Protein backbone atom coordinates (compact mmCIF):
# COMPACT_ATOMS: atom_id res chain seq x y z
CA MET A 1 7.08 -43.37 -28.30
CA LYS A 2 3.97 -45.48 -28.83
CA PRO A 3 1.86 -44.42 -31.87
CA ALA A 4 -1.33 -42.54 -31.09
CA ILE A 5 -4.64 -44.35 -31.27
CA PRO A 6 -6.47 -42.54 -34.08
CA PHE A 7 -9.95 -41.19 -33.74
CA LEU A 8 -10.56 -42.58 -37.24
CA SER A 9 -8.43 -44.41 -39.78
CA LEU A 10 -9.70 -44.55 -43.34
CA ALA A 11 -6.38 -46.02 -44.45
CA ARG A 12 -6.98 -49.36 -42.72
CA GLN A 13 -10.28 -49.95 -44.52
CA VAL A 14 -8.96 -48.83 -47.89
CA GLU A 15 -5.91 -51.07 -47.57
CA ALA A 16 -8.06 -54.10 -46.80
CA LEU A 17 -10.20 -53.48 -49.90
CA ARG A 18 -7.52 -52.03 -52.18
CA PRO A 19 -7.48 -54.71 -54.93
CA ARG A 20 -11.27 -54.77 -55.30
CA LEU A 21 -11.54 -50.98 -55.17
CA LEU A 22 -8.91 -50.53 -57.87
CA GLU A 23 -10.63 -53.13 -60.03
CA ALA A 24 -13.99 -51.34 -59.69
CA ILE A 25 -12.43 -47.96 -60.46
CA ALA A 26 -10.67 -49.39 -63.51
CA GLN A 27 -13.99 -50.71 -64.84
CA VAL A 28 -15.45 -47.18 -64.71
CA VAL A 29 -12.36 -45.78 -66.42
CA ASP A 30 -12.61 -48.43 -69.14
CA THR A 31 -16.33 -47.87 -69.77
CA GLN A 32 -16.27 -44.06 -69.26
CA GLY A 33 -19.39 -44.07 -67.09
CA PHE A 34 -18.12 -41.08 -65.16
CA ALA A 35 -21.32 -39.11 -64.38
CA ASN A 36 -24.16 -41.30 -63.15
CA GLY A 37 -23.65 -44.25 -65.49
CA PRO A 38 -24.01 -48.02 -64.99
CA ALA A 39 -22.01 -48.20 -61.74
CA VAL A 40 -24.26 -45.63 -60.09
CA ALA A 41 -27.43 -47.36 -61.32
CA ARG A 42 -26.16 -50.67 -59.96
CA PHE A 43 -25.41 -49.16 -56.56
CA GLU A 44 -28.85 -47.51 -56.43
CA ALA A 45 -30.51 -50.91 -56.93
CA GLU A 46 -28.29 -52.59 -54.35
CA LEU A 47 -28.88 -49.93 -51.70
CA ALA A 48 -32.65 -49.95 -52.31
CA GLU A 49 -32.72 -53.70 -51.70
CA TYR A 50 -30.54 -53.36 -48.59
CA LEU A 51 -32.72 -50.65 -47.04
CA GLY A 52 -36.03 -52.11 -48.14
CA VAL A 53 -37.12 -48.99 -50.02
CA GLY A 54 -38.61 -48.75 -53.47
CA HIS A 55 -36.21 -46.20 -54.92
CA VAL A 56 -32.74 -44.77 -54.35
CA VAL A 57 -31.55 -41.73 -56.29
CA ALA A 58 -27.78 -41.26 -55.94
CA LEU A 59 -26.51 -37.69 -55.71
CA ASN A 60 -23.24 -35.82 -55.33
CA SER A 61 -23.50 -35.22 -51.55
CA GLY A 62 -25.64 -35.71 -48.49
CA THR A 63 -26.34 -31.98 -48.44
CA SER A 64 -27.77 -32.18 -51.97
CA ALA A 65 -29.83 -35.20 -50.93
CA LEU A 66 -31.44 -33.24 -48.08
CA HIS A 67 -32.04 -30.28 -50.40
CA ALA A 68 -33.65 -32.55 -53.00
CA ALA A 69 -35.78 -34.33 -50.39
CA LEU A 70 -37.25 -31.07 -49.13
CA LEU A 71 -37.94 -29.83 -52.65
CA CYS A 72 -39.71 -33.11 -53.38
CA VAL A 73 -42.16 -32.60 -50.49
CA ASP A 74 -42.81 -29.10 -51.87
CA VAL A 75 -41.10 -27.02 -49.19
CA ARG A 76 -41.12 -23.44 -50.51
CA PRO A 77 -39.79 -20.01 -49.55
CA GLY A 78 -41.51 -18.77 -46.41
CA ASP A 79 -42.30 -22.26 -45.09
CA GLU A 80 -40.94 -23.67 -41.85
CA VAL A 81 -39.23 -27.03 -41.40
CA ILE A 82 -38.96 -28.39 -37.86
CA THR A 83 -35.57 -29.91 -37.08
CA VAL A 84 -32.88 -30.00 -34.40
CA ALA A 85 -29.84 -27.81 -33.76
CA HIS A 86 -27.69 -30.66 -32.43
CA THR A 87 -26.50 -31.77 -35.86
CA TRP A 88 -24.02 -30.97 -38.59
CA ILE A 89 -25.06 -27.71 -40.21
CA SER A 90 -26.00 -29.30 -43.56
CA THR A 91 -29.34 -30.25 -42.05
CA ALA A 92 -30.17 -26.56 -41.71
CA TRP A 93 -28.49 -25.50 -44.96
CA ALA A 94 -30.88 -27.66 -46.96
CA ILE A 95 -33.83 -25.78 -45.47
CA SER A 96 -32.29 -22.37 -45.99
CA TYR A 97 -31.27 -23.06 -49.62
CA ILE A 98 -34.96 -23.22 -50.46
CA GLY A 99 -35.72 -19.97 -48.65
CA ALA A 100 -37.58 -21.75 -45.85
CA THR A 101 -36.83 -21.27 -42.15
CA PRO A 102 -35.50 -23.96 -39.79
CA ARG A 103 -37.60 -24.19 -36.63
CA PHE A 104 -35.26 -25.73 -34.09
CA VAL A 105 -36.59 -27.91 -31.27
CA ASP A 106 -34.79 -29.53 -28.37
CA VAL A 107 -33.53 -33.11 -28.30
CA ASP A 108 -34.14 -36.21 -26.23
CA PRO A 109 -30.95 -36.80 -24.20
CA ARG A 110 -31.36 -40.58 -24.61
CA THR A 111 -30.66 -40.37 -28.35
CA CYS A 112 -29.60 -36.75 -29.03
CA GLY A 113 -32.44 -36.83 -31.58
CA MET A 114 -35.67 -34.87 -31.87
CA ASP A 115 -37.86 -34.83 -28.76
CA PRO A 116 -41.43 -35.66 -29.88
CA ARG A 117 -42.89 -33.51 -27.09
CA ALA A 118 -40.98 -30.48 -28.34
CA LEU A 119 -42.05 -31.25 -31.91
CA GLU A 120 -45.76 -31.13 -31.09
CA LEU A 121 -45.41 -27.69 -29.50
CA ALA A 122 -43.46 -26.28 -32.47
CA ILE A 123 -45.98 -27.05 -35.23
CA SER A 124 -47.49 -23.94 -36.80
CA PRO A 125 -49.55 -23.12 -39.90
CA ARG A 126 -46.24 -22.55 -41.73
CA THR A 127 -44.83 -26.01 -40.95
CA ARG A 128 -44.24 -27.85 -44.21
CA ALA A 129 -41.96 -30.71 -43.17
CA ILE A 130 -40.46 -32.44 -40.13
CA LEU A 131 -36.77 -33.32 -40.36
CA PRO A 132 -35.47 -35.61 -37.57
CA VAL A 133 -31.76 -36.50 -37.50
CA HIS A 134 -30.47 -39.93 -36.51
CA LEU A 135 -27.33 -38.48 -34.95
CA TYR A 136 -24.28 -40.61 -34.10
CA GLY A 137 -26.00 -43.60 -35.74
CA GLN A 138 -28.64 -43.62 -32.97
CA PRO A 139 -32.21 -44.08 -34.23
CA VAL A 140 -34.63 -41.36 -33.15
CA GLU A 141 -37.88 -42.24 -31.37
CA LEU A 142 -39.75 -42.29 -34.68
CA ARG A 143 -43.15 -43.74 -33.78
CA PRO A 144 -44.51 -40.67 -31.93
CA ILE A 145 -42.92 -38.35 -34.51
CA LEU A 146 -44.67 -40.19 -37.33
CA GLU A 147 -47.95 -40.19 -35.41
CA ILE A 148 -47.75 -36.43 -34.83
CA ALA A 149 -46.83 -35.85 -38.48
CA ASP A 150 -49.71 -38.00 -39.71
CA ARG A 151 -52.18 -36.23 -37.43
CA HIS A 152 -51.18 -32.86 -38.86
CA GLY A 153 -50.71 -34.03 -42.46
CA ILE A 154 -47.01 -33.05 -42.53
CA PRO A 155 -44.39 -35.17 -44.33
CA VAL A 156 -41.39 -36.56 -42.44
CA VAL A 157 -37.94 -36.44 -44.02
CA GLU A 158 -35.34 -38.54 -42.18
CA ASP A 159 -31.74 -37.31 -42.11
CA THR A 160 -29.88 -40.64 -42.02
CA ALA A 161 -26.47 -39.23 -42.94
CA GLN A 162 -24.92 -40.93 -39.89
CA ALA A 163 -27.19 -43.95 -39.62
CA ILE A 164 -27.24 -46.14 -42.74
CA GLY A 165 -27.81 -49.69 -41.51
CA ALA A 166 -29.36 -48.78 -38.15
CA ARG A 167 -32.77 -50.23 -37.27
CA TYR A 168 -35.77 -48.91 -35.38
CA ARG A 169 -38.34 -51.53 -34.33
CA GLY A 170 -36.70 -53.98 -36.72
CA GLN A 171 -36.87 -51.72 -39.78
CA ARG A 172 -33.97 -49.85 -41.38
CA VAL A 173 -33.98 -46.12 -40.74
CA GLY A 174 -34.27 -44.16 -43.95
CA SER A 175 -37.38 -46.16 -44.86
CA PHE A 176 -39.95 -44.50 -42.56
CA GLY A 177 -40.32 -40.97 -43.91
CA ARG A 178 -42.04 -40.02 -47.13
CA VAL A 179 -38.61 -39.23 -48.52
CA ASN A 180 -35.26 -39.50 -46.77
CA ALA A 181 -31.63 -38.58 -47.31
CA THR A 182 -28.21 -39.97 -46.52
CA SER A 183 -24.53 -39.19 -47.02
CA PHE A 184 -21.53 -41.18 -48.20
CA TYR A 185 -18.90 -38.70 -47.04
CA PRO A 186 -15.65 -40.69 -46.65
CA ALA A 187 -15.82 -40.84 -42.84
CA LYS A 188 -19.33 -42.32 -42.78
CA ASN A 189 -19.93 -46.00 -41.95
CA LEU A 190 -20.56 -46.48 -45.68
CA GLY A 191 -18.16 -43.93 -47.11
CA ALA A 192 -17.15 -43.13 -50.68
CA LEU A 193 -13.64 -42.17 -51.79
CA GLY A 194 -14.97 -38.65 -52.21
CA GLU A 195 -18.38 -37.01 -51.84
CA GLY A 196 -21.72 -38.71 -52.33
CA GLY A 197 -25.27 -38.92 -51.05
CA ALA A 198 -28.66 -40.40 -51.88
CA LEU A 199 -32.37 -39.75 -51.67
CA LEU A 200 -34.46 -42.70 -50.41
CA THR A 201 -38.19 -43.15 -50.97
CA ASP A 202 -41.04 -45.52 -51.76
CA ASP A 203 -42.75 -42.81 -53.81
CA ALA A 204 -42.08 -43.40 -57.50
CA GLU A 205 -43.02 -39.87 -58.54
CA ILE A 206 -40.68 -38.35 -55.97
CA ALA A 207 -37.89 -40.61 -57.25
CA ARG A 208 -38.56 -39.52 -60.85
CA ARG A 209 -38.52 -35.86 -59.87
CA ALA A 210 -35.31 -36.22 -57.88
CA ALA A 211 -33.64 -38.02 -60.79
CA ARG A 212 -34.61 -35.12 -63.05
CA LEU A 213 -33.50 -32.46 -60.57
CA ARG A 214 -30.01 -33.95 -60.27
CA ASP A 215 -29.54 -33.68 -64.05
CA HIS A 216 -30.61 -30.07 -64.62
CA ALA A 217 -34.30 -31.03 -64.37
CA GLN A 218 -34.30 -32.64 -67.79
CA ALA A 219 -37.38 -34.70 -68.62
CA GLU A 220 -35.61 -35.57 -71.85
CA ARG A 221 -32.47 -34.23 -73.47
CA HIS A 222 -32.61 -30.40 -73.66
CA ARG A 223 -36.11 -30.18 -72.15
CA HIS A 224 -35.96 -28.69 -68.62
CA LEU A 225 -39.14 -28.77 -66.54
CA GLU A 226 -38.08 -26.57 -63.59
CA LEU A 227 -35.02 -25.07 -61.96
CA GLY A 228 -32.56 -27.94 -61.89
CA PHE A 229 -29.16 -28.75 -60.44
CA ASN A 230 -25.93 -30.51 -61.27
CA TRP A 231 -26.20 -33.15 -58.55
CA ARG A 232 -25.05 -36.25 -60.44
CA MET A 233 -23.01 -38.84 -58.57
CA ASP A 234 -19.53 -39.57 -59.87
CA GLY A 235 -19.48 -43.02 -61.48
CA ILE A 236 -16.32 -43.95 -59.58
CA GLN A 237 -18.09 -43.31 -56.28
CA GLY A 238 -20.98 -45.56 -57.31
CA ALA A 239 -18.50 -48.34 -58.08
CA VAL A 240 -16.65 -47.84 -54.79
CA LEU A 241 -19.87 -47.91 -52.79
CA SER A 242 -20.94 -51.16 -54.45
CA VAL A 243 -17.68 -52.72 -53.30
CA LYS A 244 -18.21 -51.51 -49.75
CA LEU A 245 -21.95 -52.14 -49.25
CA PRO A 246 -21.67 -55.94 -48.71
CA HIS A 247 -19.27 -55.25 -45.82
CA LEU A 248 -21.50 -52.69 -44.06
CA ASP A 249 -23.36 -55.03 -41.71
CA GLY A 250 -20.10 -56.64 -40.62
CA TRP A 251 -18.49 -53.28 -40.00
CA ASN A 252 -21.51 -52.09 -38.04
CA SER A 253 -21.50 -55.29 -35.99
CA ARG A 254 -17.89 -54.63 -35.03
CA ARG A 255 -18.81 -51.07 -34.04
CA ARG A 256 -21.56 -52.41 -31.78
CA GLU A 257 -19.07 -54.83 -30.21
CA ILE A 258 -16.68 -51.97 -29.46
CA ALA A 259 -19.57 -49.88 -28.09
CA ARG A 260 -20.61 -52.71 -25.75
CA ARG A 261 -17.09 -52.86 -24.37
CA TYR A 262 -16.99 -49.10 -23.87
CA LEU A 263 -20.42 -49.00 -22.23
CA GLY A 264 -19.59 -51.80 -19.86
CA ALA A 265 -16.25 -50.30 -18.88
CA PHE A 266 -17.55 -46.75 -18.39
CA ALA A 267 -20.59 -47.57 -16.26
CA GLY A 268 -20.21 -45.85 -12.91
CA LEU A 269 -17.22 -43.68 -13.81
CA PRO A 270 -17.42 -40.33 -12.00
CA ARG A 271 -19.14 -37.49 -13.90
CA LEU A 272 -19.05 -39.37 -17.21
CA SER A 273 -22.28 -40.22 -19.01
CA THR A 274 -23.09 -42.14 -22.17
CA LEU A 275 -26.13 -42.42 -24.41
CA ALA A 276 -28.94 -44.57 -23.07
CA GLY A 277 -30.39 -45.21 -26.53
CA LEU A 278 -33.75 -46.83 -27.19
CA PRO A 279 -34.56 -50.41 -26.16
CA ASP A 280 -36.21 -51.15 -29.52
CA ALA A 281 -33.41 -49.70 -31.67
CA GLU A 282 -30.19 -51.09 -33.13
CA PRO A 283 -27.66 -48.27 -33.50
CA ILE A 284 -24.61 -48.36 -35.74
CA TRP A 285 -22.38 -46.09 -33.63
CA HIS A 286 -21.10 -43.80 -36.36
CA VAL A 287 -19.66 -41.85 -33.43
CA PHE A 288 -19.28 -43.03 -29.83
CA PRO A 289 -20.06 -39.97 -27.71
CA VAL A 290 -19.46 -39.53 -24.00
CA PHE A 291 -20.32 -36.47 -21.95
CA HIS A 292 -18.22 -34.81 -19.27
CA PRO A 293 -18.52 -31.34 -17.70
CA GLU A 294 -14.80 -30.70 -18.25
CA ARG A 295 -14.80 -31.79 -21.89
CA ASP A 296 -11.78 -29.77 -23.05
CA ALA A 297 -9.60 -30.85 -20.13
CA PHE A 298 -10.74 -34.42 -20.70
CA ARG A 299 -9.69 -34.31 -24.35
CA ALA A 300 -6.34 -32.79 -23.46
CA ARG A 301 -5.59 -35.58 -20.98
CA LEU A 302 -6.59 -38.25 -23.47
CA ALA A 303 -4.25 -36.67 -26.01
CA GLU A 304 -1.41 -36.81 -23.49
CA ARG A 305 -2.02 -40.56 -23.28
CA GLY A 306 -2.00 -40.89 -27.07
CA VAL A 307 -5.76 -41.23 -27.59
CA GLN A 308 -7.29 -38.97 -30.21
CA SER A 309 -10.85 -37.71 -29.79
CA GLY A 310 -13.39 -35.43 -31.46
CA ALA A 311 -16.22 -33.06 -30.50
CA HIS A 312 -19.62 -33.34 -32.23
CA TYR A 313 -20.78 -30.55 -32.28
CA PRO A 314 -19.44 -27.89 -29.89
CA THR A 315 -21.59 -24.99 -31.18
CA PRO A 316 -25.18 -25.98 -31.95
CA VAL A 317 -26.66 -24.66 -35.15
CA HIS A 318 -29.07 -22.21 -33.52
CA LEU A 319 -26.07 -20.39 -31.97
CA GLN A 320 -24.00 -20.28 -35.17
CA PRO A 321 -23.38 -16.78 -36.61
CA ALA A 322 -25.04 -17.85 -39.86
CA TYR A 323 -28.36 -18.23 -38.00
CA ALA A 324 -28.13 -15.19 -35.74
CA SER A 325 -31.05 -13.67 -37.65
CA LEU A 326 -33.37 -16.22 -36.01
CA GLY A 327 -32.84 -14.40 -32.72
CA LEU A 328 -32.24 -17.51 -30.60
CA ARG A 329 -30.04 -16.98 -27.56
CA PRO A 330 -28.18 -19.30 -25.19
CA GLY A 331 -30.73 -21.13 -23.07
CA ALA A 332 -33.26 -21.51 -25.90
CA LEU A 333 -32.57 -25.26 -26.24
CA PRO A 334 -31.19 -26.41 -22.88
CA HIS A 335 -30.66 -30.12 -23.62
CA THR A 336 -29.02 -29.34 -26.95
CA GLU A 337 -26.70 -26.78 -25.41
CA ARG A 338 -25.69 -28.99 -22.49
CA LEU A 339 -24.88 -31.88 -24.80
CA ALA A 340 -22.92 -29.65 -27.16
CA ALA A 341 -20.86 -28.23 -24.29
CA THR A 342 -19.97 -31.60 -22.77
CA GLU A 343 -19.71 -34.09 -25.67
CA LEU A 344 -16.48 -35.74 -26.77
CA SER A 345 -16.21 -38.58 -29.25
CA LEU A 346 -13.93 -41.57 -28.67
CA PRO A 347 -12.17 -43.68 -31.32
CA MET A 348 -14.79 -45.72 -33.14
CA PHE A 349 -14.17 -47.54 -36.39
CA PRO A 350 -14.37 -51.26 -37.21
CA GLU A 351 -10.64 -51.72 -37.74
CA LEU A 352 -9.81 -50.73 -34.15
CA THR A 353 -7.98 -53.63 -32.54
CA ASP A 354 -8.95 -55.11 -29.19
CA ALA A 355 -5.65 -53.88 -27.78
CA GLU A 356 -6.46 -50.33 -28.89
CA VAL A 357 -9.92 -50.55 -27.36
CA ASN A 358 -8.33 -51.63 -24.10
CA GLU A 359 -5.99 -48.64 -24.22
CA VAL A 360 -8.89 -46.26 -24.82
CA VAL A 361 -10.77 -47.77 -21.87
CA ALA A 362 -7.72 -47.40 -19.62
CA ALA A 363 -7.14 -43.81 -20.70
CA VAL A 364 -10.78 -42.80 -20.18
CA THR A 365 -10.91 -44.51 -16.78
CA GLU A 366 -7.72 -42.83 -15.58
CA THR A 367 -8.83 -39.45 -16.92
CA CYS A 368 -12.21 -39.66 -15.19
CA ARG A 369 -10.63 -40.44 -11.88
CA GLY A 370 -8.03 -37.72 -12.33
CA LEU A 371 -10.78 -35.13 -12.93
CA GLU A 372 -13.01 -36.38 -10.11
């Protein structure tokens, strides 16, 4: 029996980089820079240069980075933060950890990101921040969001957990908001060998505060200025990410090549739709989503043909039990709910071979016609 085509293979990337990764890990072991340390500081400088931002503060997860970013724009208990429900739930957790309330708005079906028209209608006197999510590696339509935010004097915090390396109007996402956050979870385009995240900003004072917050809010040893956290990045992860960062553009280029092949092959297939994207954006295709009204049957048929798939995310955040207290019911966010009910994610990682891509295309084509 022919081996299945994996939805994701971390093993292929690790194997290709194994000697350099082991060398970098050994250097951390030899120098004992296990918590923050020189390897983390080096990666922070490298990522700041890559993104074109003034400061990067490495943290222990993308969730912590979002939490820190919101604290650093002074979101407080009782405030509201406008965001989307078509995302991984960490986006909302970061708001709730502070005691603020997520105000969910609908998405633009072209990008699955925040719809600027919905944003404008959701702003209230309690709005303290705007948190767009560059989902699937697709840049959000940022220009109108930034214009609305500037008009109301509200800071923007970009969630770039799935979009490091993507560009909007020629500029890297994660460099537009007052402070932004990303993730290095192993499955990300730039993934650690464990957990990791970072706060991104041009504001030096925000960077200083975030660096304090991650280390128990110490201004100096044993002097704590506010409630702090243990958010330090593991030194080994900093070393691993420095090994991987120079490869990121090449990996993302391969993802775009695979996406072009998928998009060309799937055009015109019955009842199957893909993301239109923005003409002035360069996505990185962290996930390649397609949408079909019989999503579960579609996935089952792909599995029968040996093609693994995913679903991102079948229950939107506003309908999760954890947020039932907000009182939102099915139908509150129609675009979000339709996308969540019909989305399936196809194999997408840079080590996919051309032969595997061809097999995915054949399986999707046959499945579409079989479900017509």
